All heavy atoms as atom14 arrays in JSON, in Angstrom:
{
  "sequence": "VKYAELVIMLDLLRSAWCTAGFQQLLVRPVPRVF",
  "atom14_mask": [
    [1, 1, 1, 1, 1, 1, 1, 0, 0, 0, 0, 0, 0, 0],
    [1, 1, 1, 1, 1, 1, 1, 1, 1, 0, 0, 0, 0, 0],
    [1, 1, 1, 1, 1, 1, 1, 1, 1, 1, 1, 1, 0, 0],
    [1, 1, 1, 1, 1, 0, 0, 0, 0, 0, 0, 0, 0, 0],
    [1, 1, 1, 1, 1, 1, 1, 1, 1, 0, 0, 0, 0, 0],
    [1, 1, 1, 1, 1, 1, 1, 1, 0, 0, 0, 0, 0, 0],
    [1, 1, 1, 1, 1, 1, 1, 0, 0, 0, 0, 0, 0, 0],
    [1, 1, 1, 1, 1, 1, 1, 1, 0, 0, 0, 0, 0, 0],
    [1, 1, 1, 1, 1, 1, 1, 1, 0, 0, 0, 0, 0, 0],
    [1, 1, 1, 1, 1, 1, 1, 1, 0, 0, 0, 0, 0, 0],
    [1, 1, 1, 1, 1, 1, 1, 1, 0, 0, 0, 0, 0, 0],
    [1, 1, 1, 1, 1, 1, 1, 1, 0, 0, 0, 0, 0, 0],
    [1, 1, 1, 1, 1, 1, 1, 1, 0, 0, 0, 0, 0, 0],
    [1, 1, 1, 1, 1, 1, 1, 1, 1, 1, 1, 0, 0, 0],
    [1, 1, 1, 1, 1, 1, 0, 0, 0, 0, 0, 0, 0, 0],
    [1, 1, 1, 1, 1, 0, 0, 0, 0, 0, 0, 0, 0, 0],
    [1, 1, 1, 1, 1, 1, 1, 1, 1, 1, 1, 1, 1, 1],
    [1, 1, 1, 1, 1, 1, 0, 0, 0, 0, 0, 0, 0, 0],
    [1, 1, 1, 1, 1, 1, 1, 0, 0, 0, 0, 0, 0, 0],
    [1, 1, 1, 1, 1, 0, 0, 0, 0, 0, 0, 0, 0, 0],
    [1, 1, 1, 1, 0, 0, 0, 0, 0, 0, 0, 0, 0, 0],
    [1, 1, 1, 1, 1, 1, 1, 1, 1, 1, 1, 0, 0, 0],
    [1, 1, 1, 1, 1, 1, 1, 1, 1, 0, 0, 0, 0, 0],
    [1, 1, 1, 1, 1, 1, 1, 1, 1, 0, 0, 0, 0, 0],
    [1, 1, 1, 1, 1, 1, 1, 1, 0, 0, 0, 0, 0, 0],
    [1, 1, 1, 1, 1, 1, 1, 1, 0, 0, 0, 0, 0, 0],
    [1, 1, 1, 1, 1, 1, 1, 0, 0, 0, 0, 0, 0, 0],
    [1, 1, 1, 1, 1, 1, 1, 1, 1, 1, 1, 0, 0, 0],
    [1, 1, 1, 1, 1, 1, 1, 0, 0, 0, 0, 0, 0, 0],
    [1, 1, 1, 1, 1, 1, 1, 0, 0, 0, 0, 0, 0, 0],
    [1, 1, 1, 1, 1, 1, 1, 0, 0, 0, 0, 0, 0, 0],
    [1, 1, 1, 1, 1, 1, 1, 1, 1, 1, 1, 0, 0, 0],
    [1, 1, 1, 1, 1, 1, 1, 0, 0, 0, 0, 0, 0, 0],
    [1, 1, 1, 1, 1, 1, 1, 1, 1, 1, 1, 0, 0, 0]
  ],
  "atom14_positions": [
    [[5.68, -0.23, 13.79], [4.71, -1.04, 13.07], [5.36, -2.36, 12.65], [6.39, -2.37, 11.97], [4.17, -0.31, 11.82], [3.29, -1.22, 11.0], [3.4, 0.94, 12.24], [0.0, 0.0, 0.0], [0.0, 0.0, 0.0], [0.0, 0.0, 0.0], [0.0, 0.0, 0.0], [0.0, 0.0, 0.0], [0.0, 0.0, 0.0], [0.0, 0.0, 0.0]],
    [[4.78, -3.48, 13.05], [5.33, -4.79, 12.72], [4.88, -5.23, 11.32], [3.88, -4.73, 10.79], [4.91, -5.82, 13.77], [5.5, -5.54, 15.15], [5.06, -6.57, 16.16], [5.81, -6.43, 17.48], [5.67, -5.09, 18.08], [0.0, 0.0, 0.0], [0.0, 0.0, 0.0], [0.0, 0.0, 0.0], [0.0, 0.0, 0.0], [0.0, 0.0, 0.0]],
    [[5.62, -6.15, 10.76], [5.34, -6.54, 9.37], [3.93, -7.12, 9.22], [3.23, -6.8, 8.25], [6.37, -7.57, 8.89], [6.14, -7.97, 7.44], [6.41, -7.09, 6.41], [5.6, -9.22, 7.13], [6.17, -7.43, 5.08], [5.36, -9.58, 5.81], [5.64, -8.68, 4.79], [5.4, -9.01, 3.49], [0.0, 0.0, 0.0], [0.0, 0.0, 0.0]],
    [[3.51, -7.95, 10.18], [2.17, -8.55, 10.07], [1.09, -7.47, 10.07], [0.08, -7.57, 9.35], [1.94, -9.52, 11.22], [0.0, 0.0, 0.0], [0.0, 0.0, 0.0], [0.0, 0.0, 0.0], [0.0, 0.0, 0.0], [0.0, 0.0, 0.0], [0.0, 0.0, 0.0], [0.0, 0.0, 0.0], [0.0, 0.0, 0.0], [0.0, 0.0, 0.0]],
    [[1.29, -6.41, 10.85], [0.34, -5.3, 10.89], [0.37, -4.54, 9.57], [-0.68, -4.15, 9.03], [0.7, -4.37, 12.04], [-0.24, -3.2, 12.23], [0.19, -2.3, 13.37], [1.21, -2.58, 14.02], [-0.51, -1.29, 13.61], [0.0, 0.0, 0.0], [0.0, 0.0, 0.0], [0.0, 0.0, 0.0], [0.0, 0.0, 0.0], [0.0, 0.0, 0.0]],
    [[1.57, -4.34, 9.04], [1.7, -3.63, 7.76], [1.0, -4.38, 6.63], [0.36, -3.77, 5.77], [3.19, -3.44, 7.44], [3.55, -2.73, 6.15], [4.72, -1.78, 6.37], [3.91, -3.74, 5.06], [0.0, 0.0, 0.0], [0.0, 0.0, 0.0], [0.0, 0.0, 0.0], [0.0, 0.0, 0.0], [0.0, 0.0, 0.0], [0.0, 0.0, 0.0]],
    [[1.11, -5.7, 6.63], [0.44, -6.48, 5.59], [-1.07, -6.28, 5.64], [-1.72, -6.12, 4.59], [0.79, -7.98, 5.74], [-0.1, -8.84, 4.85], [2.26, -8.22, 5.39], [0.0, 0.0, 0.0], [0.0, 0.0, 0.0], [0.0, 0.0, 0.0], [0.0, 0.0, 0.0], [0.0, 0.0, 0.0], [0.0, 0.0, 0.0], [0.0, 0.0, 0.0]],
    [[-1.65, -6.26, 6.85], [-3.08, -6.01, 6.97], [-3.43, -4.64, 6.41], [-4.39, -4.47, 5.65], [-3.52, -6.12, 8.45], [-3.33, -7.54, 8.96], [-4.98, -5.69, 8.6], [-3.53, -7.69, 10.46], [0.0, 0.0, 0.0], [0.0, 0.0, 0.0], [0.0, 0.0, 0.0], [0.0, 0.0, 0.0], [0.0, 0.0, 0.0], [0.0, 0.0, 0.0]],
    [[-2.63, -3.63, 6.77], [-2.87, -2.28, 6.27], [-2.86, -2.23, 4.74], [-3.76, -1.68, 4.11], [-1.78, -1.33, 6.79], [-1.81, -1.07, 8.28], [-0.42, 0.02, 8.73], [-0.73, 0.26, 10.47], [0.0, 0.0, 0.0], [0.0, 0.0, 0.0], [0.0, 0.0, 0.0], [0.0, 0.0, 0.0], [0.0, 0.0, 0.0], [0.0, 0.0, 0.0]],
    [[-1.83, -2.82, 4.16], [-1.68, -2.74, 2.7], [-2.73, -3.57, 1.97], [-3.19, -3.18, 0.9], [-0.26, -3.18, 2.31], [0.83, -2.18, 2.7], [2.22, -2.79, 2.56], [0.74, -0.91, 1.85], [0.0, 0.0, 0.0], [0.0, 0.0, 0.0], [0.0, 0.0, 0.0], [0.0, 0.0, 0.0], [0.0, 0.0, 0.0], [0.0, 0.0, 0.0]],
    [[-3.11, -4.7, 2.55], [-4.18, -5.49, 1.92], [-5.5, -4.71, 1.93], [-6.26, -4.74, 0.94], [-4.34, -6.82, 2.66], [-3.22, -7.8, 2.37], [-2.44, -7.55, 1.41], [-3.11, -8.81, 3.08], [0.0, 0.0, 0.0], [0.0, 0.0, 0.0], [0.0, 0.0, 0.0], [0.0, 0.0, 0.0], [0.0, 0.0, 0.0], [0.0, 0.0, 0.0]],
    [[-5.77, -4.01, 3.02], [-6.98, -3.19, 3.08], [-6.9, -2.03, 2.09], [-7.89, -1.68, 1.44], [-7.2, -2.67, 4.5], [-7.62, -3.71, 5.55], [-7.6, -3.09, 6.94], [-9.0, -4.25, 5.24], [0.0, 0.0, 0.0], [0.0, 0.0, 0.0], [0.0, 0.0, 0.0], [0.0, 0.0, 0.0], [0.0, 0.0, 0.0], [0.0, 0.0, 0.0]],
    [[-5.74, -1.43, 1.99], [-5.55, -0.35, 1.03], [-5.77, -0.84, -0.39], [-6.46, -0.19, -1.2], [-4.14, 0.25, 1.15], [-3.92, 1.26, 2.28], [-2.44, 1.6, 2.38], [-4.72, 2.54, 2.04], [0.0, 0.0, 0.0], [0.0, 0.0, 0.0], [0.0, 0.0, 0.0], [0.0, 0.0, 0.0], [0.0, 0.0, 0.0], [0.0, 0.0, 0.0]],
    [[-5.22, -2.0, -0.69], [-5.36, -2.54, -2.04], [-6.83, -2.75, -2.39], [-7.27, -2.41, -3.5], [-4.58, -3.85, -2.17], [-4.68, -4.46, -3.55], [-3.77, -5.65, -3.7], [-3.83, -6.13, -5.07], [-2.89, -6.87, -5.64], [-1.81, -7.21, -4.96], [-3.02, -7.27, -6.89], [0.0, 0.0, 0.0], [0.0, 0.0, 0.0], [0.0, 0.0, 0.0]],
    [[-7.57, -3.27, -1.46], [-9.0, -3.47, -1.68], [-9.71, -2.14, -1.91], [-10.56, -2.01, -2.79], [-9.61, -4.21, -0.49], [-11.0, -4.37, -0.65], [0.0, 0.0, 0.0], [0.0, 0.0, 0.0], [0.0, 0.0, 0.0], [0.0, 0.0, 0.0], [0.0, 0.0, 0.0], [0.0, 0.0, 0.0], [0.0, 0.0, 0.0], [0.0, 0.0, 0.0]],
    [[-9.32, -1.11, -1.13], [-9.93, 0.21, -1.27], [-9.58, 0.83, -2.62], [-10.43, 1.48, -3.24], [-9.48, 1.11, -0.12], [0.0, 0.0, 0.0], [0.0, 0.0, 0.0], [0.0, 0.0, 0.0], [0.0, 0.0, 0.0], [0.0, 0.0, 0.0], [0.0, 0.0, 0.0], [0.0, 0.0, 0.0], [0.0, 0.0, 0.0], [0.0, 0.0, 0.0]],
    [[-8.34, 0.64, -3.07], [-7.94, 1.17, -4.38], [-8.78, 0.55, -5.5], [-9.21, 1.24, -6.41], [-6.46, 0.92, -4.64], [-5.54, 1.59, -3.67], [-5.78, 2.76, -2.97], [-4.24, 1.15, -3.27], [-4.7, 3.05, -2.17], [-3.75, 2.1, -2.33], [-3.44, 0.06, -3.59], [-2.49, 1.98, -1.74], [-2.19, -0.06, -3.02], [-1.73, 0.88, -2.09]],
    [[-8.95, -0.75, -5.41], [-9.74, -1.43, -6.44], [-11.19, -0.94, -6.43], [-11.78, -0.7, -7.49], [-9.69, -2.95, -6.22], [-8.08, -3.7, -6.55], [0.0, 0.0, 0.0], [0.0, 0.0, 0.0], [0.0, 0.0, 0.0], [0.0, 0.0, 0.0], [0.0, 0.0, 0.0], [0.0, 0.0, 0.0], [0.0, 0.0, 0.0], [0.0, 0.0, 0.0]],
    [[-11.75, -0.79, -5.22], [-13.12, -0.29, -5.1], [-13.24, 1.12, -5.69], [-14.27, 1.48, -6.28], [-13.56, -0.28, -3.63], [-13.5, -1.62, -3.12], [-14.97, 0.26, -3.47], [0.0, 0.0, 0.0], [0.0, 0.0, 0.0], [0.0, 0.0, 0.0], [0.0, 0.0, 0.0], [0.0, 0.0, 0.0], [0.0, 0.0, 0.0], [0.0, 0.0, 0.0]],
    [[-12.18, 1.91, -5.57], [-12.17, 3.27, -6.09], [-11.95, 3.32, -7.6], [-11.97, 4.4, -8.19], [-11.1, 4.09, -5.39], [0.0, 0.0, 0.0], [0.0, 0.0, 0.0], [0.0, 0.0, 0.0], [0.0, 0.0, 0.0], [0.0, 0.0, 0.0], [0.0, 0.0, 0.0], [0.0, 0.0, 0.0], [0.0, 0.0, 0.0], [0.0, 0.0, 0.0]],
    [[-11.71, 2.16, -8.22], [-11.59, 2.1, -9.66], [-10.18, 2.1, -10.21], [-9.98, 2.17, -11.43], [0.0, 0.0, 0.0], [0.0, 0.0, 0.0], [0.0, 0.0, 0.0], [0.0, 0.0, 0.0], [0.0, 0.0, 0.0], [0.0, 0.0, 0.0], [0.0, 0.0, 0.0], [0.0, 0.0, 0.0], [0.0, 0.0, 0.0], [0.0, 0.0, 0.0]],
    [[-9.2, 2.0, -9.34], [-7.81, 1.97, -9.8], [-7.42, 0.56, -10.23], [-7.81, -0.43, -9.61], [-6.86, 2.47, -8.72], [-7.02, 3.94, -8.43], [-7.62, 4.36, -7.25], [-6.6, 4.88, -9.35], [-7.78, 5.71, -6.98], [-6.76, 6.24, -9.09], [-7.36, 6.64, -7.91], [0.0, 0.0, 0.0], [0.0, 0.0, 0.0], [0.0, 0.0, 0.0]],
    [[-6.64, 0.48, -11.29], [-6.22, -0.8, -11.84], [-4.73, -1.06, -11.64], [-4.28, -2.21, -11.66], [-6.55, -0.86, -13.34], [-8.04, -0.75, -13.63], [-8.34, -0.65, -15.12], [-7.45, -0.81, -15.97], [-9.6, -0.38, -15.46], [0.0, 0.0, 0.0], [0.0, 0.0, 0.0], [0.0, 0.0, 0.0], [0.0, 0.0, 0.0], [0.0, 0.0, 0.0]],
    [[-3.96, 0.03, -11.44], [-2.52, -0.11, -11.23], [-2.06, 0.86, -10.15], [-2.67, 1.91, -9.94], [-1.75, 0.18, -12.53], [-1.9, -0.86, -13.61], [-1.04, -0.52, -14.82], [-1.02, 0.62, -15.27], [-0.32, -1.5, -15.34], [0.0, 0.0, 0.0], [0.0, 0.0, 0.0], [0.0, 0.0, 0.0], [0.0, 0.0, 0.0], [0.0, 0.0, 0.0]],
    [[-0.97, 0.5, -9.5], [-0.29, 1.38, -8.55], [1.14, 1.6, -9.06], [1.87, 0.64, -9.28], [-0.25, 0.75, -7.16], [0.64, 1.48, -6.13], [0.04, 2.84, -5.77], [0.84, 0.62, -4.88], [0.0, 0.0, 0.0], [0.0, 0.0, 0.0], [0.0, 0.0, 0.0], [0.0, 0.0, 0.0], [0.0, 0.0, 0.0], [0.0, 0.0, 0.0]],
    [[1.51, 2.86, -9.23], [2.88, 3.23, -9.58], [3.45, 3.97, -8.38], [2.94, 5.04, -8.01], [2.9, 4.12, -10.82], [4.28, 4.49, -11.38], [4.96, 3.25, -11.98], [4.16, 5.58, -12.44], [0.0, 0.0, 0.0], [0.0, 0.0, 0.0], [0.0, 0.0, 0.0], [0.0, 0.0, 0.0], [0.0, 0.0, 0.0], [0.0, 0.0, 0.0]],
    [[4.5, 3.42, -7.77], [4.94, 3.97, -6.49], [6.47, 3.99, -6.39], [7.14, 3.04, -6.77], [4.34, 3.17, -5.3], [4.69, 1.7, -5.38], [4.76, 3.76, -3.97], [0.0, 0.0, 0.0], [0.0, 0.0, 0.0], [0.0, 0.0, 0.0], [0.0, 0.0, 0.0], [0.0, 0.0, 0.0], [0.0, 0.0, 0.0], [0.0, 0.0, 0.0]],
    [[6.97, 5.11, -5.86], [8.38, 5.24, -5.5], [8.43, 5.4, -3.98], [8.2, 6.5, -3.46], [9.0, 6.45, -6.19], [9.08, 6.34, -7.7], [9.69, 7.6, -8.34], [8.84, 8.76, -8.1], [7.81, 9.11, -8.87], [7.49, 8.36, -9.93], [7.1, 10.19, -8.6], [0.0, 0.0, 0.0], [0.0, 0.0, 0.0], [0.0, 0.0, 0.0]],
    [[8.73, 4.34, -3.23], [8.78, 4.44, -1.77], [9.85, 5.43, -1.33], [10.82, 5.7, -2.04], [9.13, 3.01, -1.33], [8.69, 2.14, -2.47], [8.94, 2.95, -3.7], [0.0, 0.0, 0.0], [0.0, 0.0, 0.0], [0.0, 0.0, 0.0], [0.0, 0.0, 0.0], [0.0, 0.0, 0.0], [0.0, 0.0, 0.0], [0.0, 0.0, 0.0]],
    [[9.67, 5.97, -0.13], [10.61, 6.94, 0.41], [11.99, 6.3, 0.51], [12.15, 5.26, 1.16], [10.17, 7.43, 1.8], [11.12, 8.52, 2.31], [8.73, 7.94, 1.76], [0.0, 0.0, 0.0], [0.0, 0.0, 0.0], [0.0, 0.0, 0.0], [0.0, 0.0, 0.0], [0.0, 0.0, 0.0], [0.0, 0.0, 0.0], [0.0, 0.0, 0.0]],
    [[13.02, 6.88, -0.12], [14.36, 6.29, -0.06], [14.96, 6.35, 1.34], [14.56, 7.17, 2.18], [15.17, 7.16, -1.04], [14.18, 7.87, -1.88], [12.97, 8.05, -1.0], [0.0, 0.0, 0.0], [0.0, 0.0, 0.0], [0.0, 0.0, 0.0], [0.0, 0.0, 0.0], [0.0, 0.0, 0.0], [0.0, 0.0, 0.0], [0.0, 0.0, 0.0]],
    [[15.94, 5.51, 1.56], [16.6, 5.4, 2.86], [17.1, 6.76, 3.37], [16.96, 7.08, 4.55], [17.78, 4.44, 2.74], [18.62, 4.28, 4.01], [19.83, 3.39, 3.75], [19.42, 2.09, 3.27], [19.13, 1.06, 4.06], [19.19, 1.19, 5.37], [18.77, -0.11, 3.54], [0.0, 0.0, 0.0], [0.0, 0.0, 0.0], [0.0, 0.0, 0.0]],
    [[17.69, 7.56, 2.5], [18.33, 8.8, 2.94], [17.37, 9.76, 3.61], [17.77, 10.56, 4.47], [19.02, 9.51, 1.74], [18.04, 9.87, 0.65], [19.79, 10.74, 2.19], [0.0, 0.0, 0.0], [0.0, 0.0, 0.0], [0.0, 0.0, 0.0], [0.0, 0.0, 0.0], [0.0, 0.0, 0.0], [0.0, 0.0, 0.0], [0.0, 0.0, 0.0]],
    [[16.07, 9.68, 3.3], [15.1, 10.62, 3.83], [14.32, 10.07, 5.02], [13.35, 10.68, 5.46], [14.13, 11.04, 2.73], [14.82, 11.64, 1.53], [14.68, 11.08, 0.27], [15.63, 12.75, 1.66], [15.32, 11.62, -0.84], [16.28, 13.31, 0.56], [16.12, 12.74, -0.68], [0.0, 0.0, 0.0], [0.0, 0.0, 0.0], [0.0, 0.0, 0.0]]
  ]
}
């Protein structure tokens, strides 16, 4: 997955989260070791 594609994915996700009523995202991305 290229970065430009990832940005589109995440922008769409962000819009969907807002539509679903979420105001904040708290996230711990998968660490390198895993």
